[in-house]
PDB file of N, CA and C in Angstrom:
ATOM      1  N   MET A   1      12.804  -8.951   7.592  1.00  0.00           N
ATOM      2  CA  MET A   1      12.140  -7.699   7.306  1.00  0.00           C
ATOM      3  C   MET A   1      10.632  -7.902   7.362  1.00  0.00           C
ATOM      4  N   ASN A   2       9.924  -6.951   7.898  1.00  0.00           N
ATOM      5  CA  ASN A   2       8.474  -7.085   7.958  1.00  0.00           C
ATOM      6  C   ASN A   2       7.804  -6.451   6.736  1.00  0.00           C
ATOM      7  N   MET A   3       6.492  -6.598   6.650  1.00  0.00           N
ATOM      8  CA  MET A   3       5.770  -6.094   5.490  1.00  0.00           C
ATOM      9  C   MET A   3       5.878  -4.579   5.358  1.00  0.00           C
ATOM     10  N   THR A   4       5.900  -3.866   6.460  1.00  0.00           N
ATOM     11  CA  THR A   4       6.014  -2.411   6.402  1.00  0.00           C
ATOM     12  C   THR A   4       7.298  -2.002   5.700  1.00  0.00           C
ATOM     13  N   ALA A   5       8.383  -2.648   6.029  1.00  0.00           N
ATOM     14  CA  ALA A   5       9.657  -2.341   5.383  1.00  0.00           C
ATOM     15  C   ALA A   5       9.587  -2.654   3.892  1.00  0.00           C
ATOM     16  N   ARG A   6       8.880  -3.721   3.532  1.00  0.00           N
ATOM     17  CA  ARG A   6       8.735  -4.074   2.114  1.00  0.00           C
ATOM     18  C   ARG A   6       7.936  -3.006   1.372  1.00  0.00           C
ATOM     19  N   LEU A   7       6.892  -2.490   2.002  1.00  0.00           N
ATOM     20  CA  LEU A   7       6.093  -1.444   1.364  1.00  0.00           C
ATOM     21  C   LEU A   7       6.895  -0.146   1.234  1.00  0.00           C
ATOM     22  N   ILE A   8       7.680   0.172   2.246  1.00  0.00           N
ATOM     23  CA  ILE A   8       8.531   1.366   2.165  1.00  0.00           C
ATOM     24  C   ILE A   8       9.505   1.234   1.009  1.00  0.00           C
ATOM     25  N   ALA A   9      10.072   0.047   0.839  1.00  0.00           N
ATOM     26  CA  ALA A   9      11.018  -0.185  -0.252  1.00  0.00           C
ATOM     27  C   ALA A   9      10.335  -0.062  -1.617  1.00  0.00           C
ATOM     28  N   ALA A  10       9.042  -0.390  -1.689  1.00  0.00           N
ATOM     29  CA  ALA A  10       8.317  -0.341  -2.960  1.00  0.00           C
ATOM     30  C   ALA A  10       7.805   1.052  -3.285  1.00  0.00           C
ATOM     31  N   ALA A  11       7.699   1.914  -2.276  1.00  0.00           N
ATOM     32  CA  ALA A  11       7.148   3.257  -2.481  1.00  0.00           C
ATOM     33  C   ALA A  11       8.168   4.166  -3.149  1.00  0.00           C
ATOM     34  N   GLY A  12       7.648   5.045  -3.973  1.00  0.00           N
ATOM     35  CA  GLY A  12       8.488   6.072  -4.574  1.00  0.00           C
ATOM     36  C   GLY A  12       8.572   7.267  -3.634  1.00  0.00           C
ATOM     37  N   ALA A  13       9.338   8.257  -4.031  1.00  0.00           N
ATOM     38  CA  ALA A  13       9.488   9.464  -3.223  1.00  0.00           C
ATOM     39  C   ALA A  13       8.128  10.132  -3.021  1.00  0.00           C
ATOM     40  N   GLY A  14       7.775  10.391  -1.771  1.00  0.00           N
ATOM     41  CA  GLY A  14       6.532  11.066  -1.455  1.00  0.00           C
ATOM     42  C   GLY A  14       5.287  10.202  -1.518  1.00  0.00           C
ATOM     43  N   GLU A  15       5.440   8.911  -1.833  1.00  0.00           N
ATOM     44  CA  GLU A  15       4.285   8.018  -1.933  1.00  0.00           C
ATOM     45  C   GLU A  15       3.954   7.406  -0.582  1.00  0.00           C
ATOM     46  N   VAL A  16       2.671   7.149  -0.392  1.00  0.00           N
ATOM     47  CA  VAL A  16       2.213   6.437   0.787  1.00  0.00           C
ATOM     48  C   VAL A  16       1.536   5.158   0.310  1.00  0.00           C
ATOM     49  N   LEU A  17       2.080   4.013   0.696  1.00  0.00           N
ATOM     50  CA  LEU A  17       1.496   2.719   0.364  1.00  0.00           C
ATOM     51  C   LEU A  17       1.001   2.072   1.640  1.00  0.00           C
ATOM     52  N   VAL A  18      -0.134   1.389   1.541  1.00  0.00           N
ATOM     53  CA  VAL A  18      -0.660   0.653   2.692  1.00  0.00           C
ATOM     54  C   VAL A  18      -0.968  -0.768   2.253  1.00  0.00           C
ATOM     55  N   SER A  19      -0.916  -1.667   3.211  1.00  0.00           N
ATOM     56  CA  SER A  19      -1.233  -3.063   2.927  1.00  0.00           C
ATOM     57  C   SER A  19      -2.730  -3.229   2.713  1.00  0.00           C
ATOM     58  N   ASN A  20      -3.099  -4.338   2.123  1.00  0.00           N
ATOM     59  CA  ASN A  20      -4.505  -4.617   1.898  1.00  0.00           C
ATOM     60  C   ASN A  20      -5.257  -4.733   3.223  1.00  0.00           C
ATOM     61  N   GLY A  21      -4.629  -5.327   4.227  1.00  0.00           N
ATOM     62  CA  GLY A  21      -5.265  -5.446   5.531  1.00  0.00           C
ATOM     63  C   GLY A  21      -5.578  -4.091   6.148  1.00  0.00           C
ATOM     64  N   PHE A  22      -4.628  -3.158   6.046  1.00  0.00           N
ATOM     65  CA  PHE A  22      -4.847  -1.807   6.559  1.00  0.00           C
ATOM     66  C   PHE A  22      -5.964  -1.130   5.781  1.00  0.00           C
ATOM     67  N   TYR A  23      -5.912  -1.254   4.456  1.00  0.00           N
ATOM     68  CA  TYR A  23      -6.933  -0.642   3.595  1.00  0.00           C
ATOM     69  C   TYR A  23      -8.322  -1.169   3.942  1.00  0.00           C
ATOM     70  N   GLN A  24      -8.456  -2.482   4.112  1.00  0.00           N
ATOM     71  CA  GLN A  24      -9.750  -3.083   4.412  1.00  0.00           C
ATOM     72  C   GLN A  24     -10.283  -2.644   5.777  1.00  0.00           C
ATOM     73  N   ALA A  25      -9.402  -2.281   6.706  1.00  0.00           N
ATOM     74  CA  ALA A  25      -9.821  -1.841   8.031  1.00  0.00           C
ATOM     75  C   ALA A  25     -10.307  -0.391   8.053  1.00  0.00           C
ATOM     76  N   LEU A  26     -10.028   0.352   6.987  1.00  0.00           N
ATOM     77  CA  LEU A  26     -10.456   1.752   6.927  1.00  0.00           C
ATOM     78  C   LEU A  26     -11.962   1.855   6.700  1.00  0.00           C
ATOM     79  N   PRO A  27     -12.579   2.917   7.211  1.00  0.00           N
ATOM     80  CA  PRO A  27     -13.977   3.167   6.862  1.00  0.00           C
ATOM     81  C   PRO A  27     -14.081   3.416   5.353  1.00  0.00           C
ATOM     82  N   ALA A  28     -15.209   3.074   4.779  1.00  0.00           N
ATOM     83  CA  ALA A  28     -15.400   3.222   3.329  1.00  0.00           C
ATOM     84  C   ALA A  28     -15.130   4.651   2.871  1.00  0.00           C
ATOM     85  N   SER A  29     -15.464   5.620   3.683  1.00  0.00           N
ATOM     86  CA  SER A  29     -15.247   7.022   3.291  1.00  0.00           C
ATOM     87  C   SER A  29     -13.761   7.343   3.129  1.00  0.00           C
ATOM     88  N   ASP A  30     -12.894   6.694   3.896  1.00  0.00           N
ATOM     89  CA  ASP A  30     -11.451   6.928   3.795  1.00  0.00           C
ATOM     90  C   ASP A  30     -10.816   6.124   2.665  1.00  0.00           C
ATOM     91  N   ARG A  31     -11.429   5.036   2.268  1.00  0.00           N
ATOM     92  CA  ARG A  31     -10.873   4.210   1.186  1.00  0.00           C
ATOM     93  C   ARG A  31     -10.841   4.948  -0.143  1.00  0.00           C
ATOM     94  N   ALA A  32     -11.707   5.929  -0.306  1.00  0.00           N
ATOM     95  CA  ALA A  32     -11.771   6.674  -1.569  1.00  0.00           C
ATOM     96  C   ALA A  32     -10.456   7.386  -1.890  1.00  0.00           C
ATOM     97  N   ALA A  33      -9.634   7.623  -0.886  1.00  0.00           N
ATOM     98  CA  ALA A  33      -8.366   8.324  -1.089  1.00  0.00           C
ATOM     99  C   ALA A  33      -7.274   7.406  -1.630  1.00  0.00           C
ATOM    100  N   PHE A  34      -7.564   6.117  -1.790  1.00  0.00           N
ATOM    101  CA  PHE A  34      -6.553   5.146  -2.203  1.00  0.00           C
ATOM    102  C   PHE A  34      -6.887   4.526  -3.549  1.00  0.00           C
ATOM    103  N   ALA A  35      -5.859   4.208  -4.307  1.00  0.00           N
ATOM    104  CA  ALA A  35      -6.011   3.527  -5.599  1.00  0.00           C
ATOM    105  C   ALA A  35      -5.236   2.215  -5.545  1.00  0.00           C
ATOM    106  N   PRO A  36      -5.790   1.150  -6.148  1.00  0.00           N
ATOM    107  CA  PRO A  36      -5.073  -0.128  -6.123  1.00  0.00           C
ATOM    108  C   PRO A  36      -3.799  -0.065  -6.957  1.00  0.00           C
ATOM    109  N   MET A  37      -2.822  -0.826  -6.543  1.00  0.00           N
ATOM    110  CA  MET A  37      -1.568  -0.951  -7.288  1.00  0.00           C
ATOM    111  C   MET A  37      -1.463  -2.362  -7.823  1.00  0.00           C
ATOM    112  N   ASP A  38      -0.556  -2.550  -8.762  1.00  0.00           N
ATOM    113  CA  ASP A  38      -0.227  -3.904  -9.179  1.00  0.00           C
ATOM    114  C   ASP A  38       0.345  -4.626  -7.965  1.00  0.00           C
ATOM    115  N   LEU A  39       0.239  -5.942  -7.967  1.00  0.00           N
ATOM    116  CA  LEU A  39       0.809  -6.707  -6.865  1.00  0.00           C
ATOM    117  C   LEU A  39       2.305  -6.438  -6.761  1.00  0.00           C
ATOM    118  N   VAL A  40       2.786  -6.291  -5.546  1.00  0.00           N
ATOM    119  CA  VAL A  40       4.204  -6.052  -5.293  1.00  0.00           C
ATOM    120  C   VAL A  40       4.820  -7.389  -4.904  1.00  0.00           C
ATOM    121  N   ASP A  41       5.855  -7.786  -5.615  1.00  0.00           N
ATOM    122  CA  ASP A  41       6.531  -9.055  -5.322  1.00  0.00           C
ATOM    123  C   ASP A  41       7.746  -8.767  -4.452  1.00  0.00           C
ATOM    124  N   ARG A  42       7.710  -9.252  -3.236  1.00  0.00           N
ATOM    125  CA  ARG A  42       8.792  -9.019  -2.301  1.00  0.00           C
ATOM    126  C   ARG A  42       9.398 -10.343  -1.855  1.00  0.00           C
ATOM    127  N   ARG A  43      10.712 -10.401  -1.907  1.00  0.00           N
ATOM    128  CA  ARG A  43      11.455 -11.604  -1.532  1.00  0.00           C
ATOM    129  C   ARG A  43      11.079 -12.051  -0.117  1.00  0.00           C
ATOM    130  N   ASN A  44      10.922 -13.331   0.059  1.00  0.00           N
ATOM    131  CA  ASN A  44      10.585 -13.967   1.334  1.00  0.00           C
ATOM    132  C   ASN A  44       9.199 -13.612   1.860  1.00  0.00           C
ATOM    133  N   VAL A  45       8.436 -12.825   1.115  1.00  0.00           N
ATOM    134  CA  VAL A  45       7.076 -12.472   1.521  1.00  0.00           C
ATOM    135  C   VAL A  45       6.080 -12.950   0.471  1.00  0.00           C
ATOM    136  N   GLY A  46       6.448 -12.799  -0.782  1.00  0.00           N
ATOM    137  CA  GLY A  46       5.554 -13.160  -1.880  1.00  0.00           C
ATOM    138  C   GLY A  46       4.864 -11.930  -2.446  1.00  0.00           C
ATOM    139  N   LEU A  47       3.719 -12.153  -3.043  1.00  0.00           N
ATOM    140  CA  LEU A  47       2.976 -11.055  -3.650  1.00  0.00           C
ATOM    141  C   LEU A  47       2.163 -10.325  -2.588  1.00  0.00           C
ATOM    142  N   ILE A  48       2.260  -9.009  -2.601  1.00  0.00           N
ATOM    143  CA  ILE A  48       1.548  -8.182  -1.639  1.00  0.00           C
ATOM    144  C   ILE A  48       0.557  -7.303  -2.393  1.00  0.00           C
ATOM    145  N   ARG A  49      -0.704  -7.365  -1.991  1.00  0.00           N
ATOM    146  CA  ARG A  49      -1.709  -6.437  -2.522  1.00  0.00           C
ATOM    147  C   ARG A  49      -1.574  -5.163  -1.720  1.00  0.00           C
ATOM    148  N   CYS A  50      -1.347  -4.042  -2.386  1.00  0.00           N
ATOM    149  CA  CYS A  50      -1.219  -2.787  -1.659  1.00  0.00           C
ATOM    150  C   CYS A  50      -1.959  -1.675  -2.401  1.00  0.00           C
ATOM    151  N   TRP A  51      -2.120  -0.593  -1.705  1.00  0.00           N
ATOM    152  CA  TRP A  51      -2.892   0.548  -2.181  1.00  0.00           C
ATOM    153  C   TRP A  51      -2.051   1.808  -2.042  1.00  0.00           C
ATOM    154  N   ARG A  52      -2.172   2.700  -3.025  1.00  0.00           N
ATOM    155  CA  ARG A  52      -1.418   3.959  -3.032  1.00  0.00           C
ATOM    156  C   ARG A  52      -2.379   5.090  -2.697  1.00  0.00           C
ATOM    157  N   ARG A  53      -1.963   5.928  -1.765  1.00  0.00           N
ATOM    158  CA  ARG A  53      -2.792   7.081  -1.419  1.00  0.00           C
ATOM    159  C   ARG A  53      -2.625   8.135  -2.492  1.00  0.00           C
ATOM    160  N   ALA A  54      -3.749   8.659  -2.933  1.00  0.00           N
ATOM    161  CA  ALA A  54      -3.726   9.725  -3.944  1.00  0.00           C
ATOM    162  C   ALA A  54      -3.125  10.994  -3.318  1.00  0.00           C
ATOM    163  N   PRO A  55      -2.376  11.740  -4.113  1.00  0.00           N
ATOM    164  CA  PRO A  55      -1.788  12.982  -3.563  1.00  0.00           C
ATOM    165  C   PRO A  55      -2.892  14.000  -3.248  1.00  0.00           C
ATOM    166  N   HIS A  56      -2.611  14.834  -2.281  1.00  0.00           N
ATOM    167  CA  HIS A  56      -3.559  15.903  -1.961  1.00  0.00           C
ATOM    168  C   HIS A  56      -3.579  16.909  -3.097  1.00  0.00           C
ATOM    169  N   PRO A  57      -4.766  17.421  -3.450  1.00  0.00           N
ATOM    170  CA  PRO A  57      -4.837  18.429  -4.532  1.00  0.00           C
ATOM    171  C   PRO A  57      -4.204  19.739  -4.145  1.00  0.00           C
TER     172      PRO A  57
END
């Protein structure tokens, strides 16, 4: 399983999670829409730093 599948498994209904690498590649103006999450521990991958997109108002 790849990291994307691990993030999908960690996301709740309607949540959007992105990897730290994806988050770091975003322009600073787009990063404001994301909040850090606790590290996600995924089997055979280890701890993943990920970010949750804030819901639209």
